[in-house]
Amino acid sequence: MKIEVRVFSGLEKYIPGARFGKPMPMEIADGFTPRMLLEKLNIPEKEVFTVLINGLHKDLDDVLCDGDRVSLFPPVGGG
């Protein structure tokens, strides 16, 4: 199945050719989770604070569906 992945705020450094916020189409197997996606993308789990699927906060163990839009964000500091 096909999904779209976007990475933000430095996570793109883990994926050759990835650019901040730009969609990356991906093929994944049925039953894939965001946790499995992080492993496939070589992004350390501790580097991801927020996972959005179709704009909604989700857990790393939720199952992805065909056509999902996944956005990955690291912890963000500010002040």
PDB file of N, CA and C in Angstrom:
ATOM      1  N   MET A   1       0.826  -1.176   0.000  1.00  0.00           N
ATOM      2  CA  MET A   1       0.000   0.000   0.000  1.00  0.00           C
ATOM      3  C   MET A   1       0.872   1.241   0.000  1.00  0.00           C
ATOM      4  N   LYS A   2       0.290   2.363  -0.371  1.00  0.00           N
ATOM      5  CA  LYS A   2       1.044   3.605  -0.500  1.00  0.00           C
ATOM      6  C   LYS A   2       0.656   4.585   0.596  1.00  0.00           C
ATOM      7  N   ILE A   3       1.691   5.239   1.151  1.00  0.00           N
ATOM      8  CA  ILE A   3       1.483   6.315   2.104  1.00  0.00           C
ATOM      9  C   ILE A   3       2.356   7.496   1.693  1.00  0.00           C
ATOM     10  N   GLU A   4       2.143   8.623   2.364  1.00  0.00           N
ATOM     11  CA  GLU A   4       2.964   9.811   2.142  1.00  0.00           C
ATOM     12  C   GLU A   4       3.580  10.190   3.487  1.00  0.00           C
ATOM     13  N   VAL A   5       4.880  10.407   3.507  1.00  0.00           N
ATOM     14  CA  VAL A   5       5.598  10.734   4.734  1.00  0.00           C
ATOM     15  C   VAL A   5       6.218  12.112   4.604  1.00  0.00           C
ATOM     16  N   ARG A   6       6.109  12.891   5.684  1.00  0.00           N
ATOM     17  CA  ARG A   6       6.776  14.191   5.768  1.00  0.00           C
ATOM     18  C   ARG A   6       7.547  14.228   7.076  1.00  0.00           C
ATOM     19  N   VAL A   7       8.764  14.765   7.027  1.00  0.00           N
ATOM     20  CA  VAL A   7       9.585  14.902   8.226  1.00  0.00           C
ATOM     21  C   VAL A   7       9.909  16.376   8.437  1.00  0.00           C
ATOM     22  N   PHE A   8      10.079  16.749   9.714  1.00  0.00           N
ATOM     23  CA  PHE A   8      10.244  18.158  10.059  1.00  0.00           C
ATOM     24  C   PHE A   8      11.368  18.361  11.076  1.00  0.00           C
ATOM     25  N   SER A   9      11.875  19.574  11.110  1.00  0.00           N
ATOM     26  CA  SER A   9      12.762  20.099  12.161  1.00  0.00           C
ATOM     27  C   SER A   9      13.983  19.240  12.459  1.00  0.00           C
ATOM     28  N   GLY A  10      14.685  18.830  11.421  1.00  0.00           N
ATOM     29  CA  GLY A  10      15.933  18.098  11.588  1.00  0.00           C
ATOM     30  C   GLY A  10      15.833  16.607  11.352  1.00  0.00           C
ATOM     31  N   LEU A  11      14.639  16.037  11.349  1.00  0.00           N
ATOM     32  CA  LEU A  11      14.517  14.597  11.110  1.00  0.00           C
ATOM     33  C   LEU A  11      14.903  14.228   9.689  1.00  0.00           C
ATOM     34  N   GLU A  12      14.877  15.206   8.798  1.00  0.00           N
ATOM     35  CA  GLU A  12      15.233  14.923   7.408  1.00  0.00           C
ATOM     36  C   GLU A  12      16.701  14.488   7.256  1.00  0.00           C
ATOM     37  N   LYS A  13      17.527  14.787   8.263  1.00  0.00           N
ATOM     38  CA  LYS A  13      18.941  14.388   8.178  1.00  0.00           C
ATOM     39  C   LYS A  13      19.116  12.870   8.166  1.00  0.00           C
ATOM     40  N   TYR A  14      18.105  12.137   8.607  1.00  0.00           N
ATOM     41  CA  TYR A  14      18.197  10.678   8.635  1.00  0.00           C
ATOM     42  C   TYR A  14      17.825  10.020   7.303  1.00  0.00           C
ATOM     43  N   ILE A  15      17.245  10.794   6.388  1.00  0.00           N
ATOM     44  CA  ILE A  15      16.750  10.219   5.143  1.00  0.00           C
ATOM     45  C   ILE A  15      17.430  10.914   3.963  1.00  0.00           C
ATOM     46  N   PRO A  16      18.295  10.218   3.250  1.00  0.00           N
ATOM     47  CA  PRO A  16      18.956  10.836   2.103  1.00  0.00           C
ATOM     48  C   PRO A  16      17.937  11.412   1.113  1.00  0.00           C
ATOM     49  N   GLY A  17      18.114  12.676   0.761  1.00  0.00           N
ATOM     50  CA  GLY A  17      17.246  13.318  -0.216  1.00  0.00           C
ATOM     51  C   GLY A  17      15.980  13.921   0.354  1.00  0.00           C
ATOM     52  N   ALA A  18      15.700  13.672   1.649  1.00  0.00           N
ATOM     53  CA  ALA A  18      14.485  14.236   2.255  1.00  0.00           C
ATOM     54  C   ALA A  18      14.666  15.733   2.476  1.00  0.00           C
ATOM     55  N   ARG A  19      13.553  16.454   2.340  1.00  0.00           N
ATOM     56  CA  ARG A  19      13.570  17.894   2.578  1.00  0.00           C
ATOM     57  C   ARG A  19      12.473  18.242   3.563  1.00  0.00           C
ATOM     58  N   PHE A  20      12.726  19.235   4.369  1.00  0.00           N
ATOM     59  CA  PHE A  20      11.808  19.682   5.419  1.00  0.00           C
ATOM     60  C   PHE A  20      10.385  19.838   4.881  1.00  0.00           C
ATOM     61  N   GLY A  21       9.461  19.046   5.411  1.00  0.00           N
ATOM     62  CA  GLY A  21       8.048  19.179   5.089  1.00  0.00           C
ATOM     63  C   GLY A  21       7.613  18.734   3.708  1.00  0.00           C
ATOM     64  N   LYS A  22       8.525  18.245   2.894  1.00  0.00           N
ATOM     65  CA  LYS A  22       8.167  17.816   1.536  1.00  0.00           C
ATOM     66  C   LYS A  22       7.655  16.379   1.555  1.00  0.00           C
ATOM     67  N   PRO A  23       6.559  16.111   0.853  1.00  0.00           N
ATOM     68  CA  PRO A  23       6.006  14.755   0.863  1.00  0.00           C
ATOM     69  C   PRO A  23       6.907  13.748   0.154  1.00  0.00           C
ATOM     70  N   MET A  24       7.018  12.570   0.782  1.00  0.00           N
ATOM     71  CA  MET A  24       7.777  11.461   0.199  1.00  0.00           C
ATOM     72  C   MET A  24       6.833  10.274   0.080  1.00  0.00           C
ATOM     73  N   PRO A  25       6.493   9.873  -1.132  1.00  0.00           N
ATOM     74  CA  PRO A  25       5.650   8.690  -1.278  1.00  0.00           C
ATOM     75  C   PRO A  25       6.432   7.435  -0.899  1.00  0.00           C
ATOM     76  N   MET A  26       5.754   6.502  -0.246  1.00  0.00           N
ATOM     77  CA  MET A  26       6.393   5.248   0.160  1.00  0.00           C
ATOM     78  C   MET A  26       5.437   4.090  -0.031  1.00  0.00           C
ATOM     79  N   GLU A  27       6.007   2.940  -0.324  1.00  0.00           N
ATOM     80  CA  GLU A  27       5.265   1.674  -0.373  1.00  0.00           C
ATOM     81  C   GLU A  27       5.564   0.927   0.916  1.00  0.00           C
ATOM     82  N   ILE A  28       4.514   0.476   1.598  1.00  0.00           N
ATOM     83  CA  ILE A  28       4.687  -0.308   2.818  1.00  0.00           C
ATOM     84  C   ILE A  28       3.755  -1.511   2.775  1.00  0.00           C
ATOM     85  N   ALA A  29       4.014  -2.470   3.636  1.00  0.00           N
ATOM     86  CA  ALA A  29       3.182  -3.678   3.718  1.00  0.00           C
ATOM     87  C   ALA A  29       1.961  -3.420   4.593  1.00  0.00           C
ATOM     88  N   ASP A  30       0.935  -4.215   4.426  1.00  0.00           N
ATOM     89  CA  ASP A  30      -0.230  -4.161   5.305  1.00  0.00           C
ATOM     90  C   ASP A  30       0.221  -4.400   6.746  1.00  0.00           C
ATOM     91  N   GLY A  31      -0.440  -3.751   7.691  1.00  0.00           N
ATOM     92  CA  GLY A  31      -0.125  -3.933   9.096  1.00  0.00           C
ATOM     93  C   GLY A  31       1.042  -3.097   9.594  1.00  0.00           C
ATOM     94  N   PHE A  32       1.594  -2.240   8.741  1.00  0.00           N
ATOM     95  CA  PHE A  32       2.723  -1.396   9.103  1.00  0.00           C
ATOM     96  C   PHE A  32       2.287  -0.360  10.137  1.00  0.00           C
ATOM     97  N   THR A  33       3.167  -0.059  11.083  1.00  0.00           N
ATOM     98  CA  THR A  33       2.913   0.948  12.111  1.00  0.00           C
ATOM     99  C   THR A  33       3.929   2.086  11.982  1.00  0.00           C
ATOM    100  N   PRO A  34       3.662   3.242  12.594  1.00  0.00           N
ATOM    101  CA  PRO A  34       4.670   4.300  12.597  1.00  0.00           C
ATOM    102  C   PRO A  34       5.997   3.843  13.210  1.00  0.00           C
ATOM    103  N   ARG A  35       5.942   2.979  14.216  1.00  0.00           N
ATOM    104  CA  ARG A  35       7.191   2.467  14.811  1.00  0.00           C
ATOM    105  C   ARG A  35       8.005   1.705  13.758  1.00  0.00           C
ATOM    106  N   MET A  36       7.344   0.886  12.970  1.00  0.00           N
ATOM    107  CA  MET A  36       8.012   0.143  11.897  1.00  0.00           C
ATOM    108  C   MET A  36       8.523   1.101  10.827  1.00  0.00           C
ATOM    109  N   LEU A  37       7.774   2.167  10.578  1.00  0.00           N
ATOM    110  CA  LEU A  37       8.183   3.172   9.598  1.00  0.00           C
ATOM    111  C   LEU A  37       9.473   3.858  10.033  1.00  0.00           C
ATOM    112  N   LEU A  38       9.577   4.199  11.320  1.00  0.00           N
ATOM    113  CA  LEU A  38      10.801   4.817  11.825  1.00  0.00           C
ATOM    114  C   LEU A  38      11.996   3.906  11.597  1.00  0.00           C
ATOM    115  N   GLU A  39      11.804   2.619  11.856  1.00  0.00           N
ATOM    116  CA  GLU A  39      12.888   1.656  11.640  1.00  0.00           C
ATOM    117  C   GLU A  39      13.280   1.607  10.165  1.00  0.00           C
ATOM    118  N   LYS A  40      12.281   1.579   9.297  1.00  0.00           N
ATOM    119  CA  LYS A  40      12.545   1.538   7.849  1.00  0.00           C
ATOM    120  C   LYS A  40      13.292   2.785   7.379  1.00  0.00           C
ATOM    121  N   LEU A  41      12.989   3.941   7.993  1.00  0.00           N
ATOM    122  CA  LEU A  41      13.601   5.213   7.607  1.00  0.00           C
ATOM    123  C   LEU A  41      14.900   5.504   8.358  1.00  0.00           C
ATOM    124  N   ASN A  42      15.295   4.603   9.262  1.00  0.00           N
ATOM    125  CA  ASN A  42      16.508   4.782  10.079  1.00  0.00           C
ATOM    126  C   ASN A  42      16.445   6.019  10.961  1.00  0.00           C
ATOM    127  N   ILE A  43      15.247   6.334  11.449  1.00  0.00           N
ATOM    128  CA  ILE A  43      15.076   7.453  12.381  1.00  0.00           C
ATOM    129  C   ILE A  43      14.984   6.859  13.785  1.00  0.00           C
ATOM    130  N   PRO A  44      15.893   7.248  14.699  1.00  0.00           N
ATOM    131  CA  PRO A  44      15.816   6.734  16.069  1.00  0.00           C
ATOM    132  C   PRO A  44      14.488   7.133  16.727  1.00  0.00           C
ATOM    133  N   GLU A  45      13.848   6.177  17.360  1.00  0.00           N
ATOM    134  CA  GLU A  45      12.544   6.418  17.980  1.00  0.00           C
ATOM    135  C   GLU A  45      12.595   7.560  18.993  1.00  0.00           C
ATOM    136  N   LYS A  46      13.713   7.681  19.719  1.00  0.00           N
ATOM    137  CA  LYS A  46      13.835   8.733  20.733  1.00  0.00           C
ATOM    138  C   LYS A  46      13.863  10.131  20.120  1.00  0.00           C
ATOM    139  N   GLU A  47      14.094  10.216  18.811  1.00  0.00           N
ATOM    140  CA  GLU A  47      14.146  11.507  18.124  1.00  0.00           C
ATOM    141  C   GLU A  47      12.762  12.000  17.700  1.00  0.00           C
ATOM    142  N   VAL A  48      11.741  11.158  17.820  1.00  0.00           N
ATOM    143  CA  VAL A  48      10.397  11.533  17.369  1.00  0.00           C
ATOM    144  C   VAL A  48       9.502  11.749  18.581  1.00  0.00           C
ATOM    145  N   PHE A  49       8.932  12.944  18.670  1.00  0.00           N
ATOM    146  CA  PHE A  49       8.054  13.291  19.774  1.00  0.00           C
ATOM    147  C   PHE A  49       6.585  13.203  19.377  1.00  0.00           C
ATOM    148  N   THR A  50       6.281  13.593  18.140  1.00  0.00           N
ATOM    149  CA  THR A  50       4.898  13.636  17.680  1.00  0.00           C
ATOM    150  C   THR A  50       4.757  12.928  16.346  1.00  0.00           C
ATOM    151  N   VAL A  51       3.718  12.085  16.248  1.00  0.00           N
ATOM    152  CA  VAL A  51       3.343  11.439  14.994  1.00  0.00           C
ATOM    153  C   VAL A  51       1.922  11.887  14.669  1.00  0.00           C
ATOM    154  N   LEU A  52       1.756  12.474  13.491  1.00  0.00           N
ATOM    155  CA  LEU A  52       0.427  12.819  13.002  1.00  0.00           C
ATOM    156  C   LEU A  52       0.096  11.903  11.838  1.00  0.00           C
ATOM    157  N   ILE A  53      -1.095  11.337  11.855  1.00  0.00           N
ATOM    158  CA  ILE A  53      -1.591  10.567  10.722  1.00  0.00           C
ATOM    159  C   ILE A  53      -2.852  11.266  10.247  1.00  0.00           C
ATOM    160  N   ASN A  54      -2.793  11.750   9.024  1.00  0.00           N
ATOM    161  CA  ASN A  54      -3.902  12.523   8.453  1.00  0.00           C
ATOM    162  C   ASN A  54      -4.275  13.700   9.349  1.00  0.00           C
ATOM    163  N   GLY A  55      -3.252  14.320   9.956  1.00  0.00           N
ATOM    164  CA  GLY A  55      -3.450  15.509  10.777  1.00  0.00           C
ATOM    165  C   GLY A  55      -3.862  15.254  12.211  1.00  0.00           C
ATOM    166  N   LEU A  56      -3.963  13.985  12.622  1.00  0.00           N
ATOM    167  CA  LEU A  56      -4.375  13.655  13.982  1.00  0.00           C
ATOM    168  C   LEU A  56      -3.236  12.983  14.747  1.00  0.00           C
ATOM    169  N   HIS A  57      -3.056  13.353  16.018  1.00  0.00           N
ATOM    170  CA  HIS A  57      -2.035  12.728  16.850  1.00  0.00           C
ATOM    171  C   HIS A  57      -2.331  11.239  16.994  1.00  0.00           C
ATOM    172  N   LYS A  58      -1.308  10.424  16.765  1.00  0.00           N
ATOM    173  CA  LYS A  58      -1.459   8.969  16.857  1.00  0.00           C
ATOM    174  C   LYS A  58      -0.290   8.367  17.613  1.00  0.00           C
ATOM    175  N   ASP A  59      -0.460   7.120  18.032  1.00  0.00           N
ATOM    176  CA  ASP A  59       0.589   6.374  18.726  1.00  0.00           C
ATOM    177  C   ASP A  59       1.491   5.663  17.726  1.00  0.00           C
ATOM    178  N   LEU A  60       2.681   5.319  18.186  1.00  0.00           N
ATOM    179  CA  LEU A  60       3.634   4.615  17.325  1.00  0.00           C
ATOM    180  C   LEU A  60       3.164   3.221  16.931  1.00  0.00           C
ATOM    181  N   ASP A  61       2.197   2.678  17.663  1.00  0.00           N
ATOM    182  CA  ASP A  61       1.743   1.322  17.366  1.00  0.00           C
ATOM    183  C   ASP A  61       0.405   1.268  16.631  1.00  0.00           C
ATOM    184  N   ASP A  62      -0.131   2.416  16.228  1.00  0.00           N
ATOM    185  CA  ASP A  62      -1.349   2.422  15.408  1.00  0.00           C
ATOM    186  C   ASP A  62      -1.015   1.879  14.020  1.00  0.00           C
ATOM    187  N   VAL A  63      -1.943   1.179  13.419  1.00  0.00           N
ATOM    188  CA  VAL A  63      -1.718   0.582  12.101  1.00  0.00           C
ATOM    189  C   VAL A  63      -2.030   1.617  11.015  1.00  0.00           C
ATOM    190  N   LEU A  64      -1.117   1.726  10.060  1.00  0.00           N
ATOM    191  CA  LEU A  64      -1.294   2.651   8.939  1.00  0.00           C
ATOM    192  C   LEU A  64      -2.201   2.037   7.876  1.00  0.00           C
ATOM    193  N   CYS A  65      -2.893   2.916   7.139  1.00  0.00           N
ATOM    194  CA  CYS A  65      -3.796   2.488   6.070  1.00  0.00           C
ATOM    195  C   CYS A  65      -3.350   3.081   4.741  1.00  0.00           C
ATOM    196  N   ASP A  66      -3.775   2.457   3.665  1.00  0.00           N
ATOM    197  CA  ASP A  66      -3.460   2.948   2.326  1.00  0.00           C
ATOM    198  C   ASP A  66      -3.904   4.405   2.201  1.00  0.00           C
ATOM    199  N   GLY A  67      -3.001   5.244   1.692  1.00  0.00           N
ATOM    200  CA  GLY A  67      -3.313   6.646   1.471  1.00  0.00           C
ATOM    201  C   GLY A  67      -3.058   7.554   2.659  1.00  0.00           C
ATOM    202  N   ASP A  68      -2.629   6.995   3.796  1.00  0.00           N
ATOM    203  CA  ASP A  68      -2.370   7.832   4.970  1.00  0.00           C
ATOM    204  C   ASP A  68      -1.261   8.837   4.694  1.00  0.00           C
ATOM    205  N   ARG A  69      -1.394  10.001   5.332  1.00  0.00           N
ATOM    206  CA  ARG A  69      -0.364  11.032   5.324  1.00  0.00           C
ATOM    207  C   ARG A  69       0.250  11.063   6.715  1.00  0.00           C
ATOM    208  N   VAL A  70       1.533  10.713   6.814  1.00  0.00           N
ATOM    209  CA  VAL A  70       2.222  10.613   8.098  1.00  0.00           C
ATOM    210  C   VAL A  70       3.225  11.772   8.211  1.00  0.00           C
ATOM    211  N   SER A  71       3.125  12.511   9.323  1.00  0.00           N
ATOM    212  CA  SER A  71       4.062  13.595   9.596  1.00  0.00           C
ATOM    213  C   SER A  71       4.788  13.274  10.894  1.00  0.00           C
ATOM    214  N   LEU A  72       6.115  13.435  10.864  1.00  0.00           N
ATOM    215  CA  LEU A  72       6.959  13.113  12.014  1.00  0.00           C
ATOM    216  C   LEU A  72       7.674  14.366  12.508  1.00  0.00           C
ATOM    217  N   PHE A  73       7.587  14.615  13.833  1.00  0.00           N
ATOM    218  CA  PHE A  73       8.170  15.801  14.425  1.00  0.00           C
ATOM    219  C   PHE A  73       9.041  15.410  15.607  1.00  0.00           C
ATOM    220  N   PRO A  74      10.208  16.063  15.762  1.00  0.00           N
ATOM    221  CA  PRO A  74      11.035  15.848  16.948  1.00  0.00           C
ATOM    222  C   PRO A  74      10.521  16.724  18.102  1.00  0.00           C
ATOM    223  N   PRO A  75      11.079  16.535  19.316  1.00  0.00           N
ATOM    224  CA  PRO A  75      10.748  17.477  20.374  1.00  0.00           C
ATOM    225  C   PRO A  75      11.243  18.861  19.945  1.00  0.00           C
ATOM    226  N   VAL A  76      10.453  19.866  20.199  1.00  0.00           N
ATOM    227  CA  VAL A  76      10.815  21.228  19.791  1.00  0.00           C
ATOM    228  C   VAL A  76      10.919  22.085  21.036  1.00  0.00           C
ATOM    229  N   GLY A  77      12.048  22.751  21.171  1.00  0.00           N
ATOM    230  CA  GLY A  77      12.236  23.662  22.289  1.00  0.00           C
ATOM    231  C   GLY A  77      11.983  25.096  21.839  1.00  0.00           C
ATOM    232  N   GLY A  78      11.845  25.932  22.762  1.00  0.00           N
ATOM    233  CA  GLY A  78      11.632  27.338  22.432  1.00  0.00           C
ATOM    234  C   GLY A  78      11.584  28.148  23.695  1.00  0.00           C
ATOM    235  N   GLY A  79      11.373  29.372  23.497  1.00  0.00           N
ATOM    236  CA  GLY A  79      11.341  30.167  24.710  1.00  0.00           C
ATOM    237  C   GLY A  79      11.024  31.523  24.373  1.00  0.00           C
TER     238      GLY A  79
END
